[in-house]
N, C-alpha and C. Protein backbone atom coordinates (compact mmCIF):
# COMPACT_ATOMS: atom_id res chain seq x y z
N MET A 1 29.48 8.60 30.68
CA MET A 1 29.94 8.02 29.45
C MET A 1 30.72 9.07 28.68
N ALA A 2 31.88 8.73 28.22
CA ALA A 2 32.73 9.68 27.51
C ALA A 2 32.25 9.87 26.09
N SER A 3 32.41 11.07 25.63
CA SER A 3 32.03 11.38 24.26
C SER A 3 33.26 11.34 23.37
N ASP A 4 33.10 10.83 22.17
CA ASP A 4 34.23 10.79 21.25
C ASP A 4 34.34 12.08 20.43
N GLY A 5 33.49 13.06 20.75
CA GLY A 5 33.56 14.35 20.08
C GLY A 5 32.77 14.42 18.79
N SER A 6 32.28 13.30 18.32
CA SER A 6 31.51 13.35 17.07
C SER A 6 30.08 13.81 17.36
N ASP A 7 29.49 14.45 16.39
CA ASP A 7 28.12 14.94 16.52
C ASP A 7 27.19 13.87 15.95
N ARG A 8 26.64 13.08 16.83
CA ARG A 8 25.75 11.99 16.39
C ARG A 8 24.31 12.46 16.51
N ARG A 9 23.65 12.49 15.40
CA ARG A 9 22.26 12.88 15.39
C ARG A 9 21.43 11.68 14.99
N PHE A 10 20.28 11.63 15.59
CA PHE A 10 19.37 10.55 15.27
C PHE A 10 18.22 11.10 14.46
N SER A 11 17.89 10.42 13.40
CA SER A 11 16.80 10.86 12.54
C SER A 11 15.48 10.29 13.02
N SER A 12 14.44 11.08 12.84
CA SER A 12 13.09 10.59 13.07
C SER A 12 12.48 10.29 11.72
N ALA A 13 11.95 9.10 11.59
CA ALA A 13 11.27 8.71 10.36
C ALA A 13 9.77 8.89 10.59
N VAL A 14 9.13 9.59 9.68
CA VAL A 14 7.72 9.92 9.81
C VAL A 14 6.97 9.40 8.59
N LYS A 15 5.87 8.74 8.85
CA LYS A 15 5.03 8.21 7.78
C LYS A 15 3.94 9.22 7.43
N ILE A 16 3.84 9.52 6.14
CA ILE A 16 2.84 10.45 5.62
C ILE A 16 2.04 9.73 4.54
N VAL A 17 0.74 9.92 4.53
CA VAL A 17 -0.13 9.30 3.53
C VAL A 17 -0.56 10.36 2.53
N ILE A 18 -0.52 10.01 1.25
CA ILE A 18 -1.01 10.87 0.18
C ILE A 18 -2.24 10.16 -0.39
N ALA A 19 -3.41 10.77 -0.25
CA ALA A 19 -4.66 10.12 -0.66
C ALA A 19 -5.47 11.04 -1.55
N GLY A 20 -6.49 10.49 -2.15
CA GLY A 20 -7.38 11.26 -3.01
C GLY A 20 -7.99 10.34 -4.05
N GLY A 21 -8.78 10.91 -4.89
CA GLY A 21 -9.48 10.13 -5.91
C GLY A 21 -8.57 9.64 -7.02
N PHE A 22 -9.16 8.85 -7.88
CA PHE A 22 -8.47 8.29 -9.03
C PHE A 22 -8.05 9.40 -10.00
N GLY A 23 -6.77 9.42 -10.35
CA GLY A 23 -6.29 10.35 -11.34
C GLY A 23 -6.03 11.77 -10.88
N VAL A 24 -5.94 12.00 -9.56
CA VAL A 24 -5.73 13.37 -9.07
C VAL A 24 -4.26 13.77 -9.03
N GLY A 25 -3.34 12.81 -9.19
CA GLY A 25 -1.92 13.13 -9.22
C GLY A 25 -1.10 12.62 -8.06
N LYS A 26 -1.59 11.63 -7.34
CA LYS A 26 -0.86 11.11 -6.17
C LYS A 26 0.49 10.51 -6.58
N THR A 27 0.50 9.69 -7.61
CA THR A 27 1.74 9.08 -8.07
C THR A 27 2.72 10.16 -8.53
N THR A 28 2.21 11.15 -9.23
CA THR A 28 3.04 12.26 -9.71
C THR A 28 3.63 13.03 -8.54
N LEU A 29 2.82 13.32 -7.52
CA LEU A 29 3.29 14.06 -6.35
C LEU A 29 4.42 13.32 -5.65
N VAL A 30 4.22 12.04 -5.38
CA VAL A 30 5.25 11.26 -4.70
C VAL A 30 6.53 11.24 -5.54
N GLY A 31 6.39 11.03 -6.84
CA GLY A 31 7.56 10.97 -7.72
C GLY A 31 8.28 12.29 -7.86
N SER A 32 7.56 13.40 -7.77
CA SER A 32 8.19 14.71 -7.97
C SER A 32 9.12 15.10 -6.83
N VAL A 33 8.89 14.56 -5.66
CA VAL A 33 9.65 15.01 -4.50
C VAL A 33 10.57 13.93 -3.92
N SER A 34 10.38 12.68 -4.30
CA SER A 34 11.17 11.60 -3.71
C SER A 34 12.64 11.70 -4.09
N GLU A 35 13.50 11.56 -3.09
CA GLU A 35 14.94 11.60 -3.34
C GLU A 35 15.49 10.23 -3.73
N VAL A 36 14.66 9.24 -3.67
CA VAL A 36 15.02 7.89 -4.15
C VAL A 36 14.06 7.56 -5.29
N PRO A 37 14.45 6.66 -6.17
CA PRO A 37 13.49 6.27 -7.21
C PRO A 37 12.22 5.75 -6.54
N PRO A 38 11.06 6.36 -6.84
CA PRO A 38 9.83 5.94 -6.15
C PRO A 38 9.41 4.54 -6.54
N LEU A 39 8.86 3.85 -5.56
CA LEU A 39 8.25 2.54 -5.82
C LEU A 39 6.85 2.81 -6.31
N ARG A 40 6.51 2.24 -7.45
CA ARG A 40 5.18 2.42 -8.02
C ARG A 40 4.60 1.05 -8.32
N THR A 41 3.32 0.91 -8.06
CA THR A 41 2.63 -0.34 -8.37
C THR A 41 1.56 -0.07 -9.41
N GLU A 42 1.95 0.56 -10.49
CA GLU A 42 1.00 0.90 -11.54
C GLU A 42 0.84 -0.26 -12.52
N GLU A 43 -0.38 -0.43 -12.95
CA GLU A 43 -0.70 -1.43 -13.96
C GLU A 43 -1.53 -0.76 -15.05
N LEU A 44 -1.53 -1.34 -16.22
CA LEU A 44 -2.34 -0.82 -17.32
C LEU A 44 -3.82 -0.97 -16.99
N ILE A 45 -4.58 0.04 -17.35
CA ILE A 45 -6.03 -0.05 -17.23
C ILE A 45 -6.52 -0.92 -18.38
N THR A 46 -7.30 -1.92 -18.05
CA THR A 46 -7.77 -2.86 -19.07
C THR A 46 -9.28 -2.76 -19.23
N THR A 47 -9.79 -3.46 -20.19
CA THR A 47 -11.24 -3.47 -20.40
C THR A 47 -11.96 -4.12 -19.22
N ALA A 48 -11.25 -4.87 -18.39
CA ALA A 48 -11.87 -5.49 -17.22
C ALA A 48 -12.37 -4.44 -16.23
N SER A 49 -11.80 -3.24 -16.31
CA SER A 49 -12.25 -2.19 -15.39
C SER A 49 -13.46 -1.43 -15.92
N SER A 50 -13.88 -1.71 -17.13
CA SER A 50 -15.07 -1.05 -17.69
C SER A 50 -16.28 -1.35 -16.83
N GLY A 51 -17.00 -0.29 -16.48
CA GLY A 51 -18.18 -0.46 -15.64
C GLY A 51 -17.86 -0.58 -14.17
N VAL A 52 -16.59 -0.74 -13.83
CA VAL A 52 -16.17 -0.85 -12.43
C VAL A 52 -15.52 0.45 -11.98
N ASP A 53 -14.61 0.97 -12.79
CA ASP A 53 -13.87 2.19 -12.46
C ASP A 53 -14.44 3.37 -13.24
N ASP A 54 -14.61 4.48 -12.55
CA ASP A 54 -15.12 5.69 -13.17
C ASP A 54 -13.98 6.46 -13.80
N LEU A 55 -13.92 6.48 -15.13
CA LEU A 55 -12.86 7.18 -15.85
C LEU A 55 -13.29 8.57 -16.33
N GLU A 56 -14.45 9.03 -15.87
CA GLU A 56 -14.93 10.34 -16.29
C GLU A 56 -13.95 11.43 -15.86
N GLY A 57 -13.54 12.22 -16.84
CA GLY A 57 -12.58 13.28 -16.59
C GLY A 57 -11.14 12.88 -16.72
N VAL A 58 -10.87 11.58 -16.76
CA VAL A 58 -9.50 11.07 -16.92
C VAL A 58 -9.46 9.98 -17.99
N GLU A 59 -10.22 10.20 -19.05
CA GLU A 59 -10.36 9.18 -20.11
C GLU A 59 -9.04 8.80 -20.76
N THR A 60 -8.06 9.69 -20.76
CA THR A 60 -6.78 9.39 -21.40
C THR A 60 -5.80 8.68 -20.47
N LYS A 61 -6.16 8.50 -19.21
CA LYS A 61 -5.29 7.82 -18.26
C LYS A 61 -5.16 6.35 -18.66
N SER A 62 -3.93 5.86 -18.72
CA SER A 62 -3.73 4.49 -19.20
C SER A 62 -3.24 3.53 -18.11
N THR A 63 -2.83 4.07 -16.95
CA THR A 63 -2.37 3.22 -15.85
C THR A 63 -3.08 3.60 -14.56
N THR A 64 -3.01 2.69 -13.60
CA THR A 64 -3.59 2.95 -12.29
C THR A 64 -2.74 2.30 -11.20
N THR A 65 -2.69 2.93 -10.04
CA THR A 65 -1.99 2.37 -8.88
C THR A 65 -2.87 1.28 -8.27
N VAL A 66 -2.30 0.11 -8.09
CA VAL A 66 -3.10 -1.01 -7.56
C VAL A 66 -2.76 -1.35 -6.11
N ALA A 67 -1.70 -0.82 -5.57
CA ALA A 67 -1.37 -1.09 -4.17
C ALA A 67 -0.94 0.20 -3.48
N LEU A 68 0.19 0.78 -3.89
CA LEU A 68 0.69 1.98 -3.26
C LEU A 68 1.80 2.59 -4.10
N ASP A 69 2.10 3.84 -3.78
CA ASP A 69 3.32 4.51 -4.25
C ASP A 69 4.14 4.75 -3.00
N PHE A 70 5.46 4.73 -3.14
CA PHE A 70 6.31 4.97 -1.98
C PHE A 70 7.48 5.85 -2.40
N GLY A 71 7.77 6.84 -1.56
CA GLY A 71 8.92 7.70 -1.78
C GLY A 71 9.46 8.18 -0.45
N ARG A 72 10.61 8.82 -0.51
CA ARG A 72 11.25 9.32 0.71
C ARG A 72 11.87 10.68 0.43
N ILE A 73 11.75 11.56 1.41
CA ILE A 73 12.42 12.86 1.33
C ILE A 73 12.98 13.21 2.70
N THR A 74 14.23 13.67 2.70
CA THR A 74 14.87 14.14 3.92
C THR A 74 14.62 15.63 4.05
N ILE A 75 13.88 16.02 5.06
CA ILE A 75 13.57 17.43 5.30
C ILE A 75 14.79 18.13 5.88
N ASN A 76 15.41 17.51 6.87
CA ASN A 76 16.67 17.97 7.45
C ASN A 76 17.31 16.74 8.08
N PRO A 77 18.54 16.86 8.62
CA PRO A 77 19.19 15.65 9.15
C PRO A 77 18.41 14.90 10.23
N GLU A 78 17.47 15.60 10.88
CA GLU A 78 16.70 14.96 11.95
C GLU A 78 15.33 14.48 11.51
N LEU A 79 14.90 14.79 10.29
CA LEU A 79 13.54 14.46 9.89
C LEU A 79 13.49 13.90 8.47
N ILE A 80 13.04 12.66 8.38
CA ILE A 80 12.86 11.99 7.09
C ILE A 80 11.38 11.63 6.95
N LEU A 81 10.80 12.00 5.83
CA LEU A 81 9.40 11.66 5.56
C LEU A 81 9.34 10.47 4.62
N TYR A 82 8.55 9.48 5.00
CA TYR A 82 8.26 8.35 4.13
C TYR A 82 6.85 8.57 3.60
N LEU A 83 6.73 8.65 2.29
CA LEU A 83 5.46 8.98 1.64
C LEU A 83 4.80 7.72 1.10
N PHE A 84 3.55 7.52 1.48
CA PHE A 84 2.78 6.37 1.02
C PHE A 84 1.56 6.88 0.26
N GLY A 85 1.55 6.70 -1.04
CA GLY A 85 0.42 7.11 -1.86
C GLY A 85 -0.59 5.98 -1.96
N THR A 86 -1.85 6.31 -1.73
CA THR A 86 -2.91 5.30 -1.77
C THR A 86 -3.42 5.11 -3.20
N PRO A 87 -3.99 3.95 -3.48
CA PRO A 87 -4.70 3.81 -4.76
C PRO A 87 -5.99 4.62 -4.70
N GLY A 88 -6.40 5.16 -5.83
CA GLY A 88 -7.56 6.03 -5.83
C GLY A 88 -8.88 5.37 -6.19
N GLN A 89 -8.82 4.21 -6.83
CA GLN A 89 -10.05 3.56 -7.26
C GLN A 89 -10.75 2.87 -6.09
N HIS A 90 -12.07 2.97 -6.11
CA HIS A 90 -12.88 2.44 -5.02
C HIS A 90 -12.55 0.98 -4.70
N ARG A 91 -12.32 0.18 -5.70
CA ARG A 91 -12.08 -1.25 -5.45
C ARG A 91 -10.78 -1.53 -4.69
N PHE A 92 -9.89 -0.51 -4.58
CA PHE A 92 -8.64 -0.70 -3.85
C PHE A 92 -8.61 0.04 -2.51
N TRP A 93 -9.74 0.63 -2.10
CA TRP A 93 -9.77 1.39 -0.85
C TRP A 93 -9.50 0.55 0.38
N PHE A 94 -9.66 -0.77 0.28
CA PHE A 94 -9.37 -1.62 1.44
C PHE A 94 -7.91 -1.46 1.88
N MET A 95 -7.04 -0.98 1.00
CA MET A 95 -5.62 -0.77 1.32
C MET A 95 -5.40 0.44 2.24
N TRP A 96 -6.36 1.37 2.27
CA TRP A 96 -6.15 2.62 2.99
C TRP A 96 -5.92 2.41 4.48
N ASP A 97 -6.64 1.48 5.10
CA ASP A 97 -6.45 1.24 6.54
C ASP A 97 -5.01 0.84 6.83
N GLU A 98 -4.50 -0.09 6.06
CA GLU A 98 -3.13 -0.57 6.28
C GLU A 98 -2.12 0.53 5.99
N LEU A 99 -2.30 1.26 4.90
CA LEU A 99 -1.35 2.31 4.55
C LEU A 99 -1.36 3.45 5.56
N SER A 100 -2.47 3.67 6.23
CA SER A 100 -2.58 4.77 7.20
C SER A 100 -2.10 4.41 8.59
N ARG A 101 -1.98 3.13 8.85
CA ARG A 101 -1.56 2.69 10.19
C ARG A 101 -0.18 3.27 10.52
N GLY A 102 -0.09 4.02 11.62
CA GLY A 102 1.17 4.59 12.06
C GLY A 102 1.52 5.92 11.41
N ALA A 103 0.64 6.44 10.56
CA ALA A 103 0.92 7.71 9.89
C ALA A 103 0.78 8.87 10.86
N LEU A 104 1.60 9.88 10.67
CA LEU A 104 1.55 11.09 11.48
C LEU A 104 0.56 12.10 10.91
N GLY A 105 0.35 12.06 9.60
CA GLY A 105 -0.55 12.99 8.94
C GLY A 105 -0.79 12.57 7.51
N ALA A 106 -1.65 13.34 6.83
CA ALA A 106 -2.01 12.99 5.45
C ALA A 106 -2.22 14.23 4.60
N VAL A 107 -2.02 14.04 3.31
CA VAL A 107 -2.34 15.03 2.30
C VAL A 107 -3.48 14.47 1.49
N VAL A 108 -4.59 15.21 1.40
CA VAL A 108 -5.68 14.84 0.51
C VAL A 108 -5.47 15.67 -0.76
N LEU A 109 -5.16 15.00 -1.85
CA LEU A 109 -4.93 15.68 -3.12
C LEU A 109 -6.26 15.79 -3.84
N ALA A 110 -6.58 16.99 -4.31
CA ALA A 110 -7.88 17.24 -4.93
C ALA A 110 -7.70 17.78 -6.34
N ASP A 111 -8.68 17.50 -7.17
CA ASP A 111 -8.77 17.99 -8.55
C ASP A 111 -10.10 18.72 -8.65
N THR A 112 -10.08 20.03 -8.91
CA THR A 112 -11.32 20.80 -8.92
C THR A 112 -12.25 20.41 -10.06
N ARG A 113 -11.75 19.71 -11.06
CA ARG A 113 -12.62 19.24 -12.15
C ARG A 113 -13.50 18.09 -11.69
N ARG A 114 -13.04 17.40 -10.63
CA ARG A 114 -13.76 16.25 -10.07
C ARG A 114 -13.61 16.28 -8.55
N LEU A 115 -14.04 17.37 -7.95
CA LEU A 115 -13.83 17.58 -6.52
C LEU A 115 -14.48 16.49 -5.67
N ASP A 116 -15.57 15.92 -6.16
CA ASP A 116 -16.26 14.88 -5.40
C ASP A 116 -15.38 13.65 -5.15
N THR A 117 -14.32 13.46 -5.93
CA THR A 117 -13.48 12.27 -5.74
C THR A 117 -12.62 12.33 -4.48
N CYS A 118 -12.53 13.51 -3.85
CA CYS A 118 -11.71 13.57 -2.63
C CYS A 118 -12.55 13.46 -1.36
N PHE A 119 -13.89 13.45 -1.47
CA PHE A 119 -14.73 13.30 -0.28
C PHE A 119 -14.41 12.04 0.52
N PRO A 120 -14.22 10.88 -0.12
CA PRO A 120 -13.91 9.69 0.68
C PRO A 120 -12.62 9.83 1.49
N ALA A 121 -11.61 10.49 0.94
CA ALA A 121 -10.36 10.68 1.68
C ALA A 121 -10.56 11.63 2.85
N VAL A 122 -11.28 12.73 2.63
CA VAL A 122 -11.57 13.67 3.72
C VAL A 122 -12.32 12.94 4.84
N ASP A 123 -13.36 12.20 4.48
CA ASP A 123 -14.13 11.44 5.48
C ASP A 123 -13.25 10.43 6.22
N PHE A 124 -12.40 9.74 5.48
CA PHE A 124 -11.53 8.71 6.06
C PHE A 124 -10.65 9.31 7.16
N PHE A 125 -9.99 10.42 6.88
CA PHE A 125 -9.07 11.01 7.86
C PHE A 125 -9.80 11.74 8.98
N GLU A 126 -10.95 12.33 8.68
CA GLU A 126 -11.74 12.94 9.76
C GLU A 126 -12.19 11.88 10.75
N ARG A 127 -12.68 10.74 10.27
CA ARG A 127 -13.14 9.67 11.17
C ARG A 127 -12.01 9.14 12.04
N ARG A 128 -10.81 9.09 11.52
CA ARG A 128 -9.67 8.56 12.26
C ARG A 128 -8.94 9.64 13.05
N ARG A 129 -9.40 10.88 12.93
CA ARG A 129 -8.80 12.02 13.62
C ARG A 129 -7.31 12.15 13.32
N LEU A 130 -6.95 11.84 12.08
CA LEU A 130 -5.58 11.98 11.62
C LEU A 130 -5.45 13.37 10.99
N PRO A 131 -4.51 14.19 11.47
CA PRO A 131 -4.36 15.53 10.89
C PRO A 131 -4.10 15.43 9.38
N PHE A 132 -4.80 16.26 8.62
CA PHE A 132 -4.61 16.27 7.17
C PHE A 132 -4.76 17.68 6.64
N ILE A 133 -4.20 17.88 5.46
CA ILE A 133 -4.40 19.12 4.72
C ILE A 133 -4.96 18.73 3.35
N VAL A 134 -5.52 19.71 2.66
CA VAL A 134 -6.00 19.49 1.30
C VAL A 134 -5.09 20.27 0.37
N ALA A 135 -4.54 19.58 -0.62
CA ALA A 135 -3.71 20.21 -1.64
C ALA A 135 -4.47 20.10 -2.96
N VAL A 136 -4.81 21.25 -3.54
CA VAL A 136 -5.54 21.28 -4.80
C VAL A 136 -4.51 21.26 -5.93
N ASN A 137 -4.50 20.17 -6.68
CA ASN A 137 -3.58 20.03 -7.81
C ASN A 137 -4.12 20.86 -8.96
N CYS A 138 -3.42 21.92 -9.33
CA CYS A 138 -3.88 22.86 -10.35
C CYS A 138 -3.53 22.36 -11.75
N PHE A 139 -4.41 21.53 -12.29
CA PHE A 139 -4.20 21.02 -13.64
C PHE A 139 -4.30 22.17 -14.64
N ASP A 140 -3.55 22.07 -15.73
CA ASP A 140 -3.50 23.14 -16.72
C ASP A 140 -4.87 23.50 -17.28
N ASP A 141 -5.74 22.51 -17.49
CA ASP A 141 -7.04 22.76 -18.11
C ASP A 141 -8.18 22.94 -17.11
N ALA A 142 -7.83 23.06 -15.83
CA ALA A 142 -8.87 23.19 -14.80
C ALA A 142 -9.10 24.66 -14.45
N HIS A 143 -10.35 25.00 -14.13
CA HIS A 143 -10.68 26.33 -13.65
C HIS A 143 -10.00 26.52 -12.29
N ARG A 144 -9.47 27.70 -12.05
CA ARG A 144 -8.80 27.97 -10.78
C ARG A 144 -9.80 28.52 -9.77
N TYR A 145 -9.93 27.84 -8.66
CA TYR A 145 -10.79 28.29 -7.57
C TYR A 145 -9.90 28.72 -6.41
N GLY A 146 -10.38 29.66 -5.62
CA GLY A 146 -9.66 30.07 -4.43
C GLY A 146 -9.79 29.01 -3.34
N THR A 147 -8.90 29.07 -2.37
CA THR A 147 -8.92 28.07 -1.30
C THR A 147 -10.21 28.10 -0.50
N GLU A 148 -10.77 29.29 -0.29
CA GLU A 148 -12.01 29.36 0.49
C GLU A 148 -13.20 28.80 -0.29
N GLU A 149 -13.16 28.92 -1.62
CA GLU A 149 -14.21 28.29 -2.43
C GLU A 149 -14.13 26.77 -2.31
N VAL A 150 -12.90 26.25 -2.31
CA VAL A 150 -12.71 24.80 -2.15
C VAL A 150 -13.15 24.38 -0.76
N ARG A 151 -12.79 25.16 0.26
CA ARG A 151 -13.19 24.85 1.65
C ARG A 151 -14.71 24.73 1.74
N GLY A 152 -15.42 25.68 1.14
CA GLY A 152 -16.88 25.66 1.17
C GLY A 152 -17.45 24.46 0.43
N ALA A 153 -16.88 24.14 -0.73
CA ALA A 153 -17.37 23.01 -1.52
C ALA A 153 -17.15 21.69 -0.79
N LEU A 154 -16.05 21.59 -0.03
CA LEU A 154 -15.75 20.35 0.70
C LEU A 154 -16.29 20.37 2.12
N ASP A 155 -16.84 21.50 2.55
CA ASP A 155 -17.38 21.65 3.90
C ASP A 155 -16.32 21.30 4.95
N LEU A 156 -15.13 21.88 4.77
CA LEU A 156 -14.01 21.61 5.68
C LEU A 156 -14.03 22.56 6.87
N ASP A 157 -13.57 22.06 8.00
CA ASP A 157 -13.41 22.90 9.19
C ASP A 157 -12.39 23.99 8.90
N PRO A 158 -12.53 25.13 9.57
CA PRO A 158 -11.61 26.25 9.32
C PRO A 158 -10.15 25.95 9.63
N HIS A 159 -9.89 24.98 10.51
CA HIS A 159 -8.51 24.68 10.89
C HIS A 159 -7.77 23.81 9.87
N VAL A 160 -8.47 23.24 8.89
CA VAL A 160 -7.82 22.38 7.89
C VAL A 160 -7.18 23.26 6.82
N PRO A 161 -5.84 23.23 6.72
CA PRO A 161 -5.18 24.03 5.70
C PRO A 161 -5.50 23.54 4.28
N ILE A 162 -5.62 24.50 3.36
CA ILE A 162 -5.82 24.20 1.94
C ILE A 162 -4.76 24.97 1.16
N LEU A 163 -4.08 24.27 0.25
CA LEU A 163 -3.06 24.89 -0.57
C LEU A 163 -3.34 24.60 -2.04
N LEU A 164 -2.92 25.48 -2.90
CA LEU A 164 -2.91 25.21 -4.32
C LEU A 164 -1.52 24.71 -4.66
N CYS A 165 -1.42 23.71 -5.53
CA CYS A 165 -0.11 23.15 -5.84
C CYS A 165 -0.05 22.64 -7.27
N ASP A 166 1.15 22.30 -7.67
CA ASP A 166 1.40 21.61 -8.92
C ASP A 166 2.15 20.34 -8.55
N ALA A 167 1.47 19.21 -8.60
CA ALA A 167 2.06 17.95 -8.16
C ALA A 167 3.28 17.55 -8.97
N ARG A 168 3.48 18.15 -10.13
CA ARG A 168 4.64 17.84 -10.97
C ARG A 168 5.90 18.56 -10.51
N ALA A 169 5.73 19.63 -9.73
CA ALA A 169 6.84 20.51 -9.37
C ALA A 169 7.37 20.20 -7.98
N ARG A 170 8.62 19.86 -7.89
CA ARG A 170 9.24 19.49 -6.61
C ARG A 170 9.06 20.58 -5.55
N ASP A 171 9.33 21.83 -5.90
CA ASP A 171 9.21 22.90 -4.91
C ASP A 171 7.77 23.05 -4.40
N SER A 172 6.81 22.91 -5.28
CA SER A 172 5.41 22.99 -4.89
C SER A 172 5.05 21.85 -3.94
N THR A 173 5.50 20.66 -4.27
CA THR A 173 5.24 19.49 -3.43
C THR A 173 5.90 19.64 -2.07
N LYS A 174 7.11 20.17 -2.04
CA LYS A 174 7.80 20.40 -0.76
C LYS A 174 7.02 21.38 0.11
N GLN A 175 6.42 22.41 -0.51
CA GLN A 175 5.60 23.36 0.25
C GLN A 175 4.39 22.67 0.86
N VAL A 176 3.80 21.74 0.11
CA VAL A 176 2.65 20.97 0.64
C VAL A 176 3.08 20.16 1.85
N LEU A 177 4.20 19.47 1.75
CA LEU A 177 4.66 18.63 2.86
C LEU A 177 5.07 19.48 4.07
N THR A 178 5.66 20.63 3.82
CA THR A 178 6.02 21.55 4.91
C THR A 178 4.75 22.04 5.62
N ALA A 179 3.73 22.40 4.84
CA ALA A 179 2.47 22.85 5.43
C ALA A 179 1.83 21.73 6.27
N LEU A 180 1.92 20.49 5.77
CA LEU A 180 1.38 19.37 6.55
C LEU A 180 2.12 19.22 7.87
N MET A 181 3.45 19.30 7.85
CA MET A 181 4.20 19.13 9.09
C MET A 181 3.88 20.25 10.08
N HIS A 182 3.71 21.47 9.61
CA HIS A 182 3.31 22.57 10.50
C HIS A 182 1.93 22.29 11.10
N HIS A 183 1.02 21.80 10.28
CA HIS A 183 -0.33 21.48 10.76
C HIS A 183 -0.29 20.37 11.80
N VAL A 184 0.51 19.34 11.56
CA VAL A 184 0.64 18.23 12.50
C VAL A 184 1.19 18.73 13.84
N MET A 185 2.21 19.58 13.79
CA MET A 185 2.80 20.11 15.03
C MET A 185 1.80 20.99 15.78
N THR A 186 1.04 21.80 15.05
CA THR A 186 0.02 22.64 15.68
C THR A 186 -1.05 21.77 16.34
N ALA A 187 -1.49 20.73 15.64
CA ALA A 187 -2.50 19.82 16.20
C ALA A 187 -1.98 19.13 17.46
N ALA A 188 -0.70 18.76 17.45
CA ALA A 188 -0.12 18.10 18.63
C ALA A 188 -0.06 19.05 19.81
N ARG A 189 0.31 20.30 19.56
CA ARG A 189 0.36 21.29 20.66
C ARG A 189 -1.03 21.54 21.22
N LEU A 190 -2.03 21.64 20.35
CA LEU A 190 -3.40 21.84 20.81
C LEU A 190 -3.89 20.65 21.64
N ALA A 191 -3.54 19.44 21.23
CA ALA A 191 -3.93 18.24 21.96
C ALA A 191 -3.30 18.22 23.35
N GLU A 192 -2.07 18.72 23.46
CA GLU A 192 -1.40 18.75 24.76
C GLU A 192 -2.07 19.71 25.74
N THR A 193 -2.60 20.80 25.23
CA THR A 193 -3.22 21.80 26.11
C THR A 193 -4.65 21.44 26.51
N HIS A 194 -5.22 20.44 25.86
CA HIS A 194 -6.62 20.06 26.18
C HIS A 194 -6.67 18.78 26.94
């Protein structure tokens, strides 16, 4: 077949899941890095959620994701990441199975003020053997812990990368996604050798 001389490259689209507890910054993370206006399914928190949703530590939060957040970032001409942020409230966890289907990897976003809220996400991805990293969102008013302190508190395997990040900052979020892609590639190479 003759070539017309043009350099035709094909992009790979990769699905990434951003998960974690309620109010840890998933919507913010997706929005900070998306090159397209992010799709958000946020609704106002109403009195109907009283007694159902745990607002401890996030009492000033006025909205919640009820289905998903979606964004896209082009890493290079051959790699496009599609980001799917999960809802954090327990009553919407049924969405996680669908949002994770076909994902290459995941970011578990953690808040050290409420570290227990990321346990369900860690358990979810460990059970499904989906490569994931933990990104600790460093809120301004939160005590700063080292990554190994977080690893111990979450009882994570040594191979799970942990990063400190600022979900509001595009460069910080890009570093998280880059670390996830390196982890995914390392996990794939290890799987090939075993």
